Amino acid sequence: MQANTPIRIGTRGSPLALAQAHEVRARLMAAHGLSENDLEIAVIKTTGDRILDRPLAEVGGKGLFTKEIEDALLSRDIDLAVHSMKDMQTELPDGLVIGAVLEREDVRDAFISLAYGSLLEMPAGAVVGTSSLRRQAQVKRMRPDLEVIGFRGNVQTRLRKLEDGVAGATFLAVAGLNRLGLADRITRAVPTEEMLPAVAQAAIGIEIREGDEKTAALIAPLDHAATHTCVIAERAFLRRLEGSCRTPIGGLARLGEDGQMTFRGEILTPDGKVAHATQRVGSPADADTLGDAAARELLARAGSGFFSVAS
């Protein structure tokens, strides 16, 4: 397969986003015998990249890292978009679909510190920096005696803040550090039993225009069915919860050797004082229903008062 004009891949400009876009380009080259000249990477600055002075939850949360890229896709300035799936809204703009999800990287969160081996080793009053509402709540639930501060910026910026002593520790996704060749910066990879990751963490998604059969066929070899199915369950869980609240949310689906899907979900108040969790097992064919049912269960258990506290 040869491209007459370069296929344009839209992405954010952060080092991690570029690493993911280059991974997609390399996979497309391998799958179709294309050269680098056949695939052009177009960097698009998003609202989330511009707002660095306050928490994203205050200005809209999800969608801030995707809107401008999706606009470029709809206007045909690009042919496909590469996203971290955890950044994507659960309801896509009309006319756009997720055409493929790459095989998932390590889903765990990484504890990073120059002074401490784990969160439990940190002394009372020590400072943890994170830009994630979920991680903030999980840290406060495990260690209410620690101070948690906002920590915006790309991976390199946050690591630099740590070196500058702004905080004693931070958390980043293991997957992102692996993709950037920074795995040696990980102090401890935190088991998912201790910190449930964000919905769709470590998964790269490729977004295309609905009905664009040529691009759909192009990216089809990159789709990893098991990852895609797990992401469907997790996003169904998030979709149901987002209609009611902005609250710290964790969710993870896995396929077992028996072919069954296990889904775990969690919601917390930002101060970490109250949490509700659930686990469900079902068929991968019912991934969407499984995630949605788990969210309904937590909504019923938590009650409306929980979400007014969490907002």
Protein backbone atom coordinates (compact mmCIF):
# COMPACT_ATOMS: atom_id res chain seq x y z
CA MET A 1 0.00 0.00 0.00
CA GLN A 2 1.43 3.38 -0.99
CA ALA A 3 0.13 6.82 -0.14
CA ASN A 4 -0.21 9.36 -2.98
CA THR A 5 -0.11 12.26 -0.54
CA PRO A 6 1.20 12.00 3.01
CA ILE A 7 -1.20 10.61 5.59
CA ARG A 8 -1.42 13.26 8.30
CA ILE A 9 -1.31 12.10 11.93
CA GLY A 10 -2.57 14.67 14.44
CA THR A 11 -1.11 14.80 17.94
CA ARG A 12 -0.30 17.07 20.85
CA GLY A 13 3.24 18.36 21.02
CA SER A 14 4.35 17.04 24.41
CA PRO A 15 7.27 14.58 24.37
CA LEU A 16 4.95 11.75 25.44
CA ALA A 17 2.29 12.58 22.83
CA LEU A 18 4.98 12.71 20.13
CA ALA A 19 6.42 9.39 21.29
CA GLN A 20 2.96 7.84 20.93
CA ALA A 21 2.43 9.37 17.48
CA HIS A 22 5.83 8.10 16.33
CA GLU A 23 4.92 4.64 17.65
CA VAL A 24 1.73 4.68 15.58
CA ARG A 25 3.67 5.85 12.51
CA ALA A 26 6.25 3.09 12.96
CA ARG A 27 3.54 0.46 13.27
CA LEU A 28 1.76 1.73 10.17
CA MET A 29 5.03 1.68 8.23
CA ALA A 30 5.64 -1.91 9.30
CA ALA A 31 2.09 -3.02 8.56
CA HIS A 32 1.87 -1.51 5.09
CA GLY A 33 5.43 -1.14 3.81
CA LEU A 34 5.22 2.65 3.98
CA SER A 35 8.12 5.08 4.35
CA GLU A 36 8.39 7.98 6.77
CA ASN A 37 7.59 10.32 3.90
CA ASP A 38 4.19 8.65 3.51
CA LEU A 39 3.18 9.57 7.06
CA GLU A 40 3.37 13.14 8.31
CA ILE A 41 3.01 14.08 11.99
CA ALA A 42 1.07 17.31 12.57
CA VAL A 43 1.48 18.91 15.99
CA ILE A 44 -1.64 20.66 17.31
CA LYS A 45 -1.67 22.75 20.48
CA THR A 46 -4.70 22.07 22.67
CA THR A 47 -6.44 24.08 25.37
CA GLY A 48 -5.04 21.74 28.01
CA ASP A 49 -1.52 22.52 26.81
CA ARG A 50 -2.14 26.25 27.19
CA ILE A 51 -3.70 26.19 30.67
CA LEU A 52 -0.92 25.51 33.14
CA ASP A 53 -1.84 27.75 36.07
CA ARG A 54 -4.82 25.86 37.53
CA PRO A 55 -6.27 22.34 37.86
CA LEU A 56 -7.92 21.06 34.70
CA ALA A 57 -10.99 20.00 36.67
CA GLU A 58 -11.72 23.69 37.22
CA VAL A 59 -11.85 24.42 33.50
CA GLY A 60 -13.57 21.37 32.09
CA GLY A 61 -11.45 18.27 32.67
CA LYS A 62 -11.57 15.76 29.84
CA GLY A 63 -11.69 17.08 26.29
CA LEU A 64 -9.17 19.83 26.96
CA PHE A 65 -6.42 17.74 25.35
CA THR A 66 -8.49 16.60 22.37
CA LYS A 67 -10.84 19.32 21.08
CA GLU A 68 -8.50 21.15 18.71
CA ILE A 69 -7.20 17.84 17.36
CA GLU A 70 -10.73 16.60 16.79
CA ASP A 71 -11.63 19.89 15.06
CA ALA A 72 -8.69 19.33 12.70
CA LEU A 73 -9.92 15.81 12.02
CA LEU A 74 -13.44 17.00 11.22
CA SER A 75 -12.12 19.74 8.94
CA ARG A 76 -9.92 17.16 7.15
CA ASP A 77 -6.69 18.94 8.04
CA ILE A 78 -5.51 15.58 9.42
CA ASP A 79 -6.47 12.00 8.54
CA LEU A 80 -6.21 10.38 11.96
CA ALA A 81 -5.54 11.45 15.53
CA VAL A 82 -3.44 9.73 18.19
CA HIS A 83 -4.59 10.17 21.78
CA SER A 84 -3.95 8.85 25.25
CA MET A 85 -7.30 7.14 25.77
CA LYS A 86 -7.51 8.38 29.36
CA ASP A 87 -7.69 11.96 28.02
CA MET A 88 -10.68 11.29 25.80
CA GLN A 89 -14.26 12.28 26.53
CA THR A 90 -16.63 9.34 26.76
CA GLU A 91 -18.95 10.94 24.19
CA LEU A 92 -17.06 11.71 20.99
CA PRO A 93 -18.07 14.55 18.65
CA ASP A 94 -20.56 13.57 15.96
CA GLY A 95 -18.78 12.12 12.98
CA LEU A 96 -15.77 10.72 14.86
CA VAL A 97 -15.03 7.19 16.12
CA ILE A 98 -12.21 5.28 17.80
CA GLY A 99 -10.89 3.18 14.92
CA ALA A 100 -8.20 1.29 16.81
CA VAL A 101 -6.67 0.87 20.26
CA LEU A 102 -3.06 -0.28 20.49
CA GLU A 103 -1.99 -3.04 22.86
CA ARG A 104 -1.90 -1.64 26.35
CA GLU A 105 1.30 -0.78 28.19
CA ASP A 106 1.78 -1.25 31.95
CA VAL A 107 -1.36 0.17 33.63
CA ARG A 108 0.20 0.94 37.00
CA ASP A 109 0.98 4.28 38.60
CA ALA A 110 4.61 5.02 39.40
CA PHE A 111 5.66 6.45 42.75
CA ILE A 112 8.65 8.71 42.17
CA SER A 113 10.80 10.24 44.88
CA LEU A 114 14.41 11.20 45.39
CA ALA A 115 14.16 10.61 49.14
CA TYR A 116 11.58 7.91 49.90
CA GLY A 117 11.06 4.36 48.73
CA SER A 118 7.28 4.40 48.92
CA LEU A 119 4.31 6.47 50.03
CA LEU A 120 4.30 4.66 53.37
CA GLU A 121 7.89 5.75 54.06
CA MET A 122 7.08 9.46 53.80
CA PRO A 123 6.97 11.30 57.15
CA ALA A 124 3.80 13.06 58.34
CA GLY A 125 3.45 16.47 56.71
CA ALA A 126 5.57 15.58 53.67
CA VAL A 127 4.41 16.96 50.32
CA VAL A 128 3.12 14.93 47.38
CA GLY A 129 2.61 16.72 44.06
CA THR A 130 0.01 15.54 41.55
CA SER A 131 -2.26 17.05 38.93
CA SER A 132 -4.67 14.10 39.14
CA LEU A 133 -7.79 14.35 41.27
CA ARG A 134 -7.88 10.55 41.44
CA ARG A 135 -4.31 10.25 42.70
CA GLN A 136 -4.90 13.07 45.17
CA ALA A 137 -7.87 11.25 46.67
CA GLN A 138 -6.11 7.88 46.74
CA VAL A 139 -3.06 9.39 48.44
CA LYS A 140 -5.20 11.14 51.04
CA ARG A 141 -7.11 7.94 51.68
CA MET A 142 -3.91 6.01 52.33
CA ARG A 143 -1.99 8.83 54.04
CA PRO A 144 -4.30 11.60 55.34
CA ASP A 145 -1.32 13.07 57.21
CA LEU A 146 0.45 14.09 53.97
CA GLU A 147 0.04 17.38 52.11
CA VAL A 148 -1.01 17.13 48.46
CA ILE A 149 -0.33 20.02 46.10
CA GLY A 150 -1.12 20.66 42.41
CA PHE A 151 1.62 19.58 40.02
CA ARG A 152 0.83 20.53 36.40
CA GLY A 153 3.06 20.14 33.35
CA ASN A 154 4.37 17.39 31.13
CA VAL A 155 6.38 14.45 32.45
CA GLN A 156 9.73 16.24 32.23
CA THR A 157 8.37 19.36 33.94
CA ARG A 158 7.02 17.35 36.85
CA LEU A 159 10.26 15.44 37.27
CA ARG A 160 12.13 18.76 37.29
CA LYS A 161 9.79 20.13 39.98
CA LEU A 162 10.65 17.08 42.06
CA GLU A 163 14.36 17.75 41.63
CA ASP A 164 13.77 21.39 42.63
CA GLY A 165 12.23 20.26 45.92
CA VAL A 166 8.72 21.51 45.19
CA ALA A 167 7.45 18.17 46.52
CA GLY A 168 8.93 15.09 48.16
CA ALA A 169 7.22 12.70 45.77
CA THR A 170 4.90 12.51 42.79
CA PHE A 171 3.01 9.93 40.74
CA LEU A 172 3.14 9.39 36.99
CA ALA A 173 1.92 6.59 34.75
CA VAL A 174 4.41 3.76 34.36
CA ALA A 175 3.37 3.50 30.69
CA GLY A 176 4.32 7.07 29.90
CA LEU A 177 7.71 6.74 31.57
CA ASN A 178 8.36 3.51 29.68
CA ARG A 179 7.45 5.15 26.36
CA LEU A 180 9.81 8.03 27.09
CA GLY A 181 12.68 5.78 28.08
CA LEU A 182 12.48 7.04 31.66
CA ALA A 183 11.69 3.79 33.45
CA ASP A 184 14.82 4.27 35.56
CA ARG A 185 13.10 7.22 37.26
CA ILE A 186 10.47 4.95 38.79
CA THR A 187 11.00 4.46 42.52
CA ARG A 188 8.14 1.98 42.86
CA ALA A 189 5.47 0.72 40.48
CA VAL A 190 2.33 0.70 42.62
CA PRO A 191 0.18 -2.46 42.40
CA THR A 192 -3.34 -1.82 41.09
CA GLU A 193 -4.65 -3.33 44.33
CA GLU A 194 -3.23 -0.26 46.10
CA MET A 195 -4.01 2.39 43.48
CA LEU A 196 -6.62 1.65 40.85
CA PRO A 197 -5.55 3.46 37.67
CA ALA A 198 -7.50 5.99 35.65
CA VAL A 199 -9.97 4.66 33.12
CA ALA A 200 -8.11 3.65 29.93
CA GLN A 201 -4.70 4.45 31.43
CA ALA A 202 -1.78 3.17 29.32
CA ALA A 203 -3.92 2.73 26.18
CA ILE A 204 -3.28 4.65 22.95
CA GLY A 205 -6.31 5.28 20.76
CA ILE A 206 -6.54 6.24 17.09
CA GLU A 207 -9.50 8.45 16.23
CA ILE A 208 -10.80 8.75 12.67
CA ARG A 209 -13.79 10.16 10.79
CA GLU A 210 -16.84 7.94 10.78
CA GLY A 211 -17.30 6.35 7.37
CA ASP A 212 -13.67 6.86 6.33
CA GLU A 213 -13.18 3.29 5.16
CA LYS A 214 -9.74 3.92 3.67
CA THR A 215 -8.26 5.14 6.96
CA ALA A 216 -10.17 2.49 8.91
CA ALA A 217 -8.51 -0.20 6.78
CA LEU A 218 -5.13 1.48 7.20
CA ILE A 219 -5.22 1.37 11.02
CA ALA A 220 -7.06 -1.95 11.40
CA PRO A 221 -3.85 -4.00 11.81
CA LEU A 222 -2.91 -1.87 14.83
CA ASP A 223 -6.05 -2.66 16.80
CA HIS A 224 -5.52 -4.95 19.80
CA ALA A 225 -8.87 -6.62 20.40
CA ALA A 226 -8.35 -7.47 24.08
CA THR A 227 -7.23 -3.93 24.97
CA HIS A 228 -10.02 -2.39 22.93
CA THR A 229 -12.62 -4.52 24.72
CA CYS A 230 -11.26 -3.62 28.16
CA VAL A 231 -11.28 0.07 27.27
CA ILE A 232 -14.91 -0.22 26.17
CA ALA A 233 -15.87 -1.53 29.64
CA GLU A 234 -13.89 1.16 31.44
CA ARG A 235 -15.29 3.98 29.32
CA ALA A 236 -18.84 2.71 29.84
CA PHE A 237 -18.21 2.89 33.59
CA LEU A 238 -16.92 6.45 33.30
CA ARG A 239 -19.71 7.54 30.95
CA ARG A 240 -22.39 6.60 33.47
CA LEU A 241 -20.59 8.35 36.34
CA GLU A 242 -19.77 11.53 34.44
CA GLY A 243 -23.44 12.27 34.03
CA SER A 244 -23.72 12.77 37.78
CA CYS A 245 -20.47 14.19 39.11
CA ARG A 246 -16.90 15.27 38.84
CA THR A 247 -15.30 12.97 41.32
CA PRO A 248 -12.12 10.91 41.56
CA ILE A 249 -12.68 7.75 39.54
CA GLY A 250 -10.60 4.64 38.97
CA GLY A 251 -11.45 1.73 36.71
CA LEU A 252 -9.68 -1.29 35.28
CA ALA A 253 -10.85 -4.22 33.16
CA ARG A 254 -8.76 -7.29 32.46
CA LEU A 255 -9.30 -10.46 30.45
CA GLY A 256 -8.42 -13.67 32.25
CA GLU A 257 -7.03 -16.90 30.84
CA ASP A 258 -10.55 -18.33 31.13
CA GLY A 259 -11.76 -15.73 28.63
CA GLN A 260 -13.81 -13.88 31.22
CA MET A 261 -13.52 -10.16 31.93
CA THR A 262 -12.95 -8.85 35.44
CA PHE A 263 -13.81 -5.22 36.03
CA ARG A 264 -12.92 -3.21 39.13
CA GLY A 265 -14.21 0.30 39.71
CA GLU A 266 -13.82 2.89 42.45
CA ILE A 267 -15.15 6.36 43.28
CA LEU A 268 -13.81 8.59 46.06
CA THR A 269 -14.37 11.98 47.57
CA PRO A 270 -11.43 14.34 46.81
CA ASP A 271 -10.36 14.27 50.46
CA GLY A 272 -10.17 10.48 50.33
CA LYS A 273 -12.38 10.05 53.39
CA VAL A 274 -15.13 8.14 51.61
CA ALA A 275 -14.70 5.53 48.87
CA HIS A 276 -16.92 2.97 47.19
CA ALA A 277 -15.56 0.10 45.14
CA THR A 278 -16.96 -2.83 43.20
CA GLN A 279 -15.80 -5.83 41.20
CA ARG A 280 -17.70 -7.68 38.51
CA VAL A 281 -16.98 -10.63 36.24
CA GLY A 282 -18.63 -11.25 32.91
CA SER A 283 -18.25 -11.97 29.22
CA PRO A 284 -16.08 -9.65 27.08
CA ALA A 285 -19.02 -9.54 24.67
CA ASP A 286 -20.91 -7.63 27.38
CA ALA A 287 -18.06 -5.19 28.13
CA ASP A 288 -20.20 -2.08 27.75
CA THR A 289 -22.98 -3.48 29.93
CA LEU A 290 -20.51 -4.70 32.55
CA GLY A 291 -18.92 -1.28 33.01
CA ASP A 292 -22.25 0.50 33.01
CA ALA A 293 -23.74 -1.86 35.61
CA ALA A 294 -20.73 -1.36 37.90
CA ALA A 295 -21.24 2.41 37.73
CA ARG A 296 -24.95 2.08 38.45
CA GLU A 297 -24.14 0.00 41.51
CA LEU A 298 -21.73 2.62 42.88
CA LEU A 299 -24.16 5.45 42.14
CA ALA A 300 -26.85 3.65 44.11
CA ARG A 301 -24.54 2.83 47.02
CA ALA A 302 -23.01 6.28 47.29
CA GLY A 303 -26.24 8.26 47.15
CA SER A 304 -26.69 11.84 45.94
CA GLY A 305 -25.02 13.33 49.00
CA PHE A 306 -21.72 11.70 48.07
CA PHE A 307 -21.55 13.52 44.77
CA SER A 308 -22.37 16.92 46.22
CA VAL A 309 -19.43 16.42 48.60
CA ALA A 310 -17.24 15.22 45.75
CA SER A 311 -18.02 18.08 43.39
